[in-house]
Amino acid sequence: MRIERIALRDFRSYEQAELSLGPGLTIVHGANGAGKTNLLEGLYFGCTARSFRTANERDLVRFGAKATRVVLSGSDEDGVHELAVGFEPGLPKRLTADGAPVERLADAAHRPLASVFSPDRLELVKGRPGLRRAHLDQFVAALWPARAATRRAYHEALAQRNALLGRIRAGRSTSDVLRPWDLTLAEAGVLLAADRAAAAALIAERFELLAAELGINGQAAVTYRARSQAGSAQELAGELAEKLDVDLARGYTTHGPHRDDLVVSRDGRDLRSFGSQGEQRLALLALLLAERDALAAERSRPPLMLLDDVMSELDSARRERLAAELRRGGQSVVTATEVEHVPGWEGDDVTRIAVP
């Protein structure tokens, strides 16, 4: 659904607030500390029941309040819809879709997808590989929801194999017990790697074009780097068996898709190690925009783009290019200290929200 309204109660700095969003680009502007980022976080929380800023969800509840609640309302081709997330520390979240309780917001067919840019998310480009693997797995699940089960199956088998390695190291079992788990792990692993590679290939060309448009000099690329080149479960199981001595020495499984990476590079050099912060910033924007376009093409569902403090470190030319991309399609919310920092802010197709 396209979000038309958000209602916040006791969320971060907001005691109570109701705001309307536009169908295209919405600019939230105000002084530092006014609550712009909190509003973006509220939108993300309403879409996912998670925060993109903290793992300690107690921080979401306004100081002195007992609980928080976020309600998103909007519409799609099927009509009007509502999503609500209630949270009281120490208790399970209360999730509803059109008034009916749900276990997960992902179970609501009309739930909007959401994609976030914030300065902290530069870790996606320059941080450890696990962050990129998790992001790629989320992208796979957004593209092909049924395939999310493959990742779960792989990690369940991986946990079981690691537990067995511990038993063997302790002398409570023999290596023979690993053989069936090697094949189970390999069956899920081959599928997981194939899904990731397909998702990365889907955005590769668009990522390169967007990176160039946003101003990265040289040839930018995003590629899935797999440790294993196995083409079948039997081949991957064979590789796992060959690594048994190393795995027993270290106490965990050292080979497989859980060790792979999504590499973001320029002219063949990994931006994680060799990119400036400015290049990493542009690469992250290109990655998120490429994923937006892929989702629009594959599922006709471009995600809600939430961009926090995105214009402050871009020059005027790059601001123009980014604003043009955001206005090209889909729904976006951008924060800025001054509304004039967003090119095209005065347009009739742009919604402006001043946060006092």
Protein backbone atom coordinates (compact mmCIF):
# COMPACT_ATOMS: atom_id res chain seq x y z
CA MET A 1 0.00 0.00 0.00
CA ARG A 2 1.01 3.63 -0.37
CA ILE A 3 1.25 5.23 3.06
CA GLU A 4 -0.93 8.30 3.37
CA ARG A 5 -0.82 8.91 7.11
CA ILE A 6 1.24 8.01 10.16
CA ALA A 7 0.08 8.36 13.76
CA LEU A 8 2.63 8.17 16.56
CA ARG A 9 1.95 7.87 20.26
CA ASP A 10 4.75 8.04 22.82
CA PHE A 11 7.33 7.16 20.18
CA ARG A 12 10.80 8.56 20.88
CA SER A 13 10.36 12.35 21.22
CA TYR A 14 6.74 12.34 20.04
CA GLU A 15 4.00 12.30 22.66
CA GLN A 16 1.35 12.36 19.95
CA ALA A 17 1.61 13.22 16.27
CA GLU A 18 -0.30 12.65 13.05
CA LEU A 19 1.29 13.46 9.71
CA SER A 20 0.24 13.05 6.08
CA LEU A 21 2.64 11.84 3.38
CA GLY A 22 2.51 12.59 -0.32
CA PRO A 23 2.29 9.93 -3.05
CA GLY A 24 5.78 10.76 -4.31
CA LEU A 25 8.53 12.71 -2.57
CA THR A 26 7.93 14.05 0.95
CA ILE A 27 10.51 16.35 2.55
CA VAL A 28 10.64 16.48 6.35
CA HIS A 29 12.60 19.57 7.33
CA GLY A 30 13.56 21.22 10.59
CA ALA A 31 16.42 22.01 12.92
CA ASN A 32 18.78 19.37 14.27
CA GLY A 33 17.12 17.58 17.19
CA ALA A 34 13.60 18.40 16.02
CA GLY A 35 12.64 14.74 15.56
CA LYS A 36 13.09 14.21 11.82
CA THR A 37 14.98 10.93 12.21
CA ASN A 38 12.48 9.77 14.83
CA LEU A 39 9.72 10.19 12.26
CA LEU A 40 11.58 8.06 9.71
CA GLU A 41 12.19 5.45 12.39
CA GLY A 42 8.48 5.48 13.21
CA LEU A 43 7.63 4.84 9.56
CA TYR A 44 10.08 1.95 9.43
CA PHE A 45 8.79 0.56 12.72
CA GLY A 46 5.24 0.70 11.39
CA CYS A 47 6.28 -1.21 8.26
CA THR A 48 8.49 -3.84 9.88
CA ALA A 49 7.93 -3.79 13.67
CA ARG A 50 11.69 -3.20 13.97
CA SER A 51 13.98 -0.21 14.41
CA PHE A 52 16.78 0.58 11.97
CA ARG A 53 18.67 2.48 14.67
CA THR A 54 18.80 0.30 17.77
CA ALA A 55 18.48 -3.26 18.97
CA ASN A 56 17.28 -2.01 22.36
CA GLU A 57 13.63 -1.36 21.61
CA ARG A 58 13.04 0.14 25.05
CA ASP A 59 14.62 3.27 23.57
CA LEU A 60 11.61 3.65 21.26
CA VAL A 61 9.23 4.38 24.13
CA ARG A 62 9.09 8.07 25.02
CA PHE A 63 10.76 8.81 28.34
CA GLY A 64 8.21 8.52 31.13
CA ALA A 65 5.67 6.61 29.01
CA LYS A 66 4.70 2.98 29.47
CA ALA A 67 4.25 1.90 25.84
CA THR A 68 4.33 3.16 22.29
CA ARG A 69 2.08 2.71 19.28
CA VAL A 70 2.52 3.45 15.57
CA VAL A 71 -0.33 3.31 13.06
CA LEU A 72 0.10 3.54 9.31
CA SER A 73 -2.86 4.05 7.04
CA GLY A 74 -2.98 4.11 3.27
CA SER A 75 -4.46 2.49 0.21
CA ASP A 76 -3.75 0.29 -2.78
CA GLU A 77 -5.79 -1.06 -5.67
CA ASP A 78 -7.82 -3.13 -3.18
CA GLY A 79 -8.87 -0.18 -1.06
CA VAL A 80 -7.96 1.34 2.30
CA HIS A 81 -5.67 -0.46 4.76
CA GLU A 82 -4.17 0.04 8.20
CA LEU A 83 -1.14 -1.42 9.96
CA ALA A 84 -0.52 -0.94 13.66
CA VAL A 85 2.35 -1.85 15.98
CA GLY A 86 2.04 -1.55 19.74
CA PHE A 87 5.02 -2.14 22.00
CA GLU A 88 5.40 -2.26 25.77
CA PRO A 89 8.83 -3.33 27.07
CA GLY A 90 8.73 -6.83 28.49
CA LEU A 91 5.66 -7.87 26.52
CA PRO A 92 5.18 -9.24 22.98
CA LYS A 93 4.43 -6.65 20.32
CA ARG A 94 0.81 -6.20 19.34
CA LEU A 95 0.57 -6.30 15.56
CA THR A 96 -2.61 -5.77 13.57
CA ALA A 97 -3.43 -5.54 9.88
CA ASP A 98 -6.78 -3.93 9.09
CA GLY A 99 -7.72 -4.45 12.73
CA ALA A 100 -6.99 -8.19 12.81
CA PRO A 101 -4.10 -9.52 14.92
CA VAL A 102 -1.15 -10.99 12.98
CA GLU A 103 1.96 -12.77 14.16
CA ARG A 104 4.19 -10.98 11.65
CA LEU A 105 3.62 -7.87 9.56
CA ALA A 106 5.08 -9.82 6.65
CA ASP A 107 1.85 -11.86 6.74
CA ALA A 108 -0.09 -8.76 5.64
CA ALA A 109 -0.25 -8.79 1.84
CA HIS A 110 -0.57 -5.00 1.66
CA ARG A 111 2.40 -4.24 3.95
CA PRO A 112 4.72 -1.77 2.20
CA LEU A 113 8.36 -2.69 1.78
CA ALA A 114 10.79 -0.16 3.25
CA SER A 115 14.39 0.76 2.41
CA VAL A 116 16.51 3.03 4.62
CA PHE A 117 19.50 5.27 4.02
CA SER A 118 21.09 6.78 7.10
CA PRO A 119 24.71 7.72 7.92
CA ASP A 120 24.96 4.67 10.19
CA ARG A 121 24.10 2.39 7.29
CA LEU A 122 27.43 3.12 5.62
CA GLU A 123 28.49 0.05 7.59
CA LEU A 124 26.65 -1.92 4.92
CA VAL A 125 29.42 -0.96 2.49
CA LYS A 126 32.42 -0.64 4.80
CA GLY A 127 31.51 -3.06 7.58
CA ARG A 128 31.81 -6.80 8.04
CA PRO A 129 30.51 -9.27 5.43
CA GLY A 130 27.75 -10.55 7.72
CA LEU A 131 25.92 -7.22 7.37
CA ARG A 132 25.92 -7.50 3.60
CA ARG A 133 24.85 -11.15 3.65
CA ALA A 134 21.91 -10.30 5.90
CA HIS A 135 20.94 -7.38 3.67
CA LEU A 136 21.16 -9.54 0.55
CA ASP A 137 19.01 -12.21 2.20
CA GLN A 138 16.39 -9.58 3.05
CA PHE A 139 16.44 -8.43 -0.56
CA VAL A 140 15.98 -12.03 -1.77
CA ALA A 141 12.99 -12.40 0.57
CA ALA A 142 11.48 -9.16 -0.73
CA LEU A 143 11.95 -10.26 -4.35
CA TRP A 144 10.80 -13.86 -3.90
CA PRO A 145 9.01 -14.27 -0.53
CA ALA A 146 8.73 -18.05 -0.80
CA ARG A 147 12.52 -18.36 -0.94
CA ALA A 148 13.00 -16.92 2.55
CA ALA A 149 12.50 -20.45 3.85
CA THR A 150 15.78 -21.53 2.23
CA ARG A 151 17.83 -19.25 4.45
CA ARG A 152 16.02 -20.52 7.54
CA ALA A 153 16.62 -24.13 6.52
CA TYR A 154 20.31 -23.45 5.91
CA HIS A 155 20.89 -21.80 9.28
CA GLU A 156 18.98 -24.51 11.13
CA ALA A 157 21.19 -27.16 9.50
CA LEU A 158 24.29 -25.06 10.17
CA ALA A 159 23.44 -24.79 13.87
CA GLN A 160 22.94 -28.55 14.05
CA ARG A 161 26.24 -29.27 12.31
CA ASN A 162 28.12 -26.87 14.60
CA ALA A 163 26.57 -28.56 17.64
CA LEU A 164 27.72 -31.94 16.34
CA LEU A 165 31.23 -30.61 15.80
CA GLY A 166 31.25 -29.64 19.45
CA ARG A 167 30.19 -33.14 20.49
CA ILE A 168 32.90 -34.71 18.32
CA ARG A 169 35.56 -32.39 19.76
CA ALA A 170 34.44 -33.38 23.25
CA GLY A 171 34.69 -37.08 22.40
CA ARG A 172 30.97 -37.68 22.80
CA SER A 173 30.38 -38.62 19.15
CA THR A 174 32.17 -39.63 15.95
CA SER A 175 32.53 -37.87 12.61
CA ASP A 176 30.20 -40.40 10.97
CA VAL A 177 27.19 -38.52 12.37
CA LEU A 178 28.09 -35.49 10.23
CA ARG A 179 27.52 -37.15 6.85
CA PRO A 180 23.73 -36.75 6.67
CA TRP A 181 23.96 -33.21 8.03
CA ASP A 182 26.62 -32.31 5.49
CA LEU A 183 24.19 -33.21 2.72
CA THR A 184 21.27 -31.44 4.40
CA LEU A 185 23.39 -28.32 4.85
CA ALA A 186 24.68 -28.55 1.29
CA GLU A 187 21.18 -28.93 -0.22
CA ALA A 188 20.02 -25.72 1.41
CA GLY A 189 23.39 -24.03 0.82
CA VAL A 190 23.39 -24.53 -2.94
CA LEU A 191 19.88 -23.06 -3.18
CA LEU A 192 20.76 -20.15 -0.89
CA ALA A 193 23.87 -19.25 -2.89
CA ALA A 194 21.93 -19.47 -6.16
CA ASP A 195 19.22 -17.12 -4.83
CA ARG A 196 21.80 -14.61 -3.65
CA ALA A 197 23.72 -14.74 -6.94
CA ALA A 198 20.49 -14.24 -8.91
CA ALA A 199 19.48 -11.25 -6.78
CA ALA A 200 22.92 -9.64 -7.15
CA ALA A 201 22.85 -10.19 -10.91
CA LEU A 202 19.42 -8.58 -11.09
CA ILE A 203 20.74 -5.25 -9.79
CA ALA A 204 24.26 -5.28 -11.22
CA GLU A 205 23.63 -3.31 -14.41
CA ARG A 206 21.33 -0.77 -12.76
CA PHE A 207 23.79 -0.32 -9.89
CA GLU A 208 26.58 0.51 -12.33
CA LEU A 209 24.42 3.09 -14.13
CA LEU A 210 23.19 4.72 -10.93
CA ALA A 211 26.67 4.88 -9.44
CA ALA A 212 27.88 6.69 -12.55
CA GLU A 213 24.91 9.06 -12.49
CA LEU A 214 25.48 9.90 -8.84
CA GLY A 215 29.12 10.69 -9.52
CA ILE A 216 31.34 7.69 -8.74
CA ASN A 217 34.33 7.96 -11.06
CA GLY A 218 35.30 4.69 -12.72
CA GLN A 219 33.33 1.47 -13.16
CA ALA A 220 31.31 0.57 -10.08
CA ALA A 221 30.12 -2.99 -9.61
CA VAL A 222 28.22 -5.13 -7.14
CA THR A 223 28.92 -8.86 -7.22
CA TYR A 224 28.19 -11.90 -5.10
CA ARG A 225 31.43 -13.56 -4.01
CA ALA A 226 30.87 -17.20 -3.14
CA ARG A 227 33.56 -19.24 -1.44
CA SER A 228 32.30 -22.42 -3.04
CA GLN A 229 31.91 -23.02 -6.75
CA ALA A 230 29.95 -26.23 -6.16
CA GLY A 231 27.22 -26.79 -8.70
CA SER A 232 25.36 -29.43 -6.75
CA ALA A 233 24.59 -30.42 -3.18
CA GLN A 234 26.82 -33.47 -3.52
CA GLU A 235 29.78 -31.30 -4.55
CA LEU A 236 29.27 -28.90 -1.64
CA ALA A 237 28.88 -31.82 0.78
CA GLY A 238 32.20 -33.15 -0.54
CA GLU A 239 33.85 -29.79 0.15
CA LEU A 240 32.46 -29.80 3.69
CA ALA A 241 33.91 -33.26 4.26
CA GLU A 242 37.32 -32.05 3.04
CA LYS A 243 37.22 -29.20 5.58
CA LEU A 244 36.40 -31.49 8.51
CA ASP A 245 39.82 -31.34 10.15
CA VAL A 246 39.84 -27.54 10.01
CA ASP A 247 36.27 -27.38 11.33
CA LEU A 248 37.09 -29.68 14.24
CA ALA A 249 40.16 -27.63 15.09
CA ARG A 250 38.14 -24.39 15.15
CA GLY A 251 34.90 -25.80 16.51
CA TYR A 252 32.59 -24.48 13.81
CA THR A 253 31.80 -24.83 10.10
CA THR A 254 34.31 -22.74 8.18
CA HIS A 255 32.99 -23.29 4.63
CA GLY A 256 29.70 -22.49 2.96
CA PRO A 257 27.37 -19.60 2.03
CA HIS A 258 27.52 -18.24 5.59
CA ARG A 259 31.07 -17.14 4.70
CA ASP A 260 30.20 -15.44 1.38
CA ASP A 261 30.12 -11.71 0.69
CA LEU A 262 28.43 -9.10 -1.46
CA VAL A 263 31.29 -7.03 -2.86
CA VAL A 264 30.83 -3.37 -3.81
CA SER A 265 33.77 -2.19 -5.89
CA ARG A 266 35.13 0.50 -8.18
CA ASP A 267 37.50 -0.45 -10.98
CA GLY A 268 37.94 -3.84 -9.37
CA ARG A 269 38.93 -2.48 -5.94
CA ASP A 270 36.70 -3.22 -2.96
CA LEU A 271 35.17 0.02 -1.67
CA ARG A 272 35.15 -1.49 1.80
CA SER A 273 38.93 -1.09 1.97
CA PHE A 274 39.81 1.32 -0.82
CA GLY A 275 36.84 3.69 -1.06
CA SER A 276 36.54 7.13 0.47
CA GLN A 277 33.57 7.83 2.71
CA GLY A 278 32.06 9.88 -0.10
CA GLU A 279 32.32 6.96 -2.52
CA GLN A 280 30.89 4.58 0.06
CA ARG A 281 27.98 6.94 0.57
CA LEU A 282 27.24 7.14 -3.15
CA ALA A 283 27.60 3.38 -3.52
CA LEU A 284 25.08 2.78 -0.75
CA LEU A 285 22.60 5.13 -2.44
CA ALA A 286 23.14 3.40 -5.79
CA LEU A 287 22.63 -0.01 -4.17
CA LEU A 288 19.36 0.96 -2.49
CA LEU A 289 18.03 2.67 -5.62
CA ALA A 290 18.97 -0.32 -7.79
CA GLU A 291 17.11 -2.60 -5.39
CA ARG A 292 14.10 -0.28 -5.53
CA ASP A 293 14.01 -0.53 -9.32
CA ALA A 294 14.39 -4.32 -9.23
CA LEU A 295 11.49 -4.68 -6.81
CA ALA A 296 9.35 -2.37 -8.95
CA ALA A 297 10.08 -4.51 -12.01
CA GLU A 298 9.87 -7.93 -10.36
CA ARG A 299 6.91 -7.41 -8.04
CA SER A 300 5.43 -4.04 -9.06
CA ARG A 301 6.14 -2.98 -5.47
CA PRO A 302 8.81 -0.31 -5.14
CA PRO A 303 9.72 0.08 -1.47
CA LEU A 304 9.09 3.18 0.59
CA MET A 305 12.46 4.97 0.50
CA LEU A 306 13.44 6.56 3.81
CA LEU A 307 16.51 8.79 3.48
CA ASP A 308 17.92 10.51 6.55
CA ASP A 309 20.40 13.37 6.25
CA VAL A 310 21.19 12.30 2.70
CA MET A 311 21.78 15.73 1.16
CA SER A 312 24.16 17.23 3.71
CA GLU A 313 27.36 15.73 2.26
CA LEU A 314 26.44 15.85 -1.43
CA ASP A 315 27.41 18.67 -3.76
CA SER A 316 24.73 20.47 -5.76
CA ALA A 317 25.14 18.32 -8.88
CA ARG A 318 24.76 15.06 -6.95
CA ARG A 319 21.79 16.46 -5.05
CA GLU A 320 20.10 17.22 -8.38
CA ARG A 321 20.72 13.69 -9.65
CA LEU A 322 19.49 12.04 -6.48
CA ALA A 323 16.36 14.20 -6.29
CA ALA A 324 15.58 13.37 -9.92
CA GLU A 325 15.88 9.64 -9.15
CA LEU A 326 13.59 9.92 -6.14
CA ARG A 327 10.96 11.84 -8.07
CA ARG A 328 11.06 9.33 -10.93
CA GLY A 329 8.75 6.89 -9.18
CA GLY A 330 7.67 5.37 -5.91
CA GLN A 331 7.20 6.95 -2.52
CA SER A 332 10.13 8.58 -0.70
CA VAL A 333 10.62 10.52 2.53
CA VAL A 334 13.76 12.65 2.87
CA THR A 335 14.92 14.64 5.90
CA ALA A 336 16.82 17.93 5.66
CA THR A 337 17.61 20.82 7.96
CA GLU A 338 16.52 23.23 5.21
CA VAL A 339 13.87 22.38 2.66
CA GLU A 340 15.93 24.17 0.00
CA HIS A 341 18.60 21.48 0.34
CA VAL A 342 16.38 19.17 -1.73
CA PRO A 343 16.32 20.22 -5.41
CA GLY A 344 12.81 20.60 -6.77
CA TRP A 345 11.38 21.17 -3.28
CA GLU A 346 8.98 23.80 -4.57
CA GLY A 347 7.31 21.46 -7.08
CA ASP A 348 3.60 20.70 -6.91
CA ASP A 349 4.41 16.97 -6.74
CA VAL A 350 6.47 17.40 -3.54
CA THR A 351 4.97 17.31 -0.04
CA ARG A 352 6.71 19.39 2.62
CA ILE A 353 6.45 18.75 6.36
CA ALA A 354 8.01 21.25 8.76
CA VAL A 355 9.04 19.74 12.11
CA PRO A 356 9.16 22.50 14.73
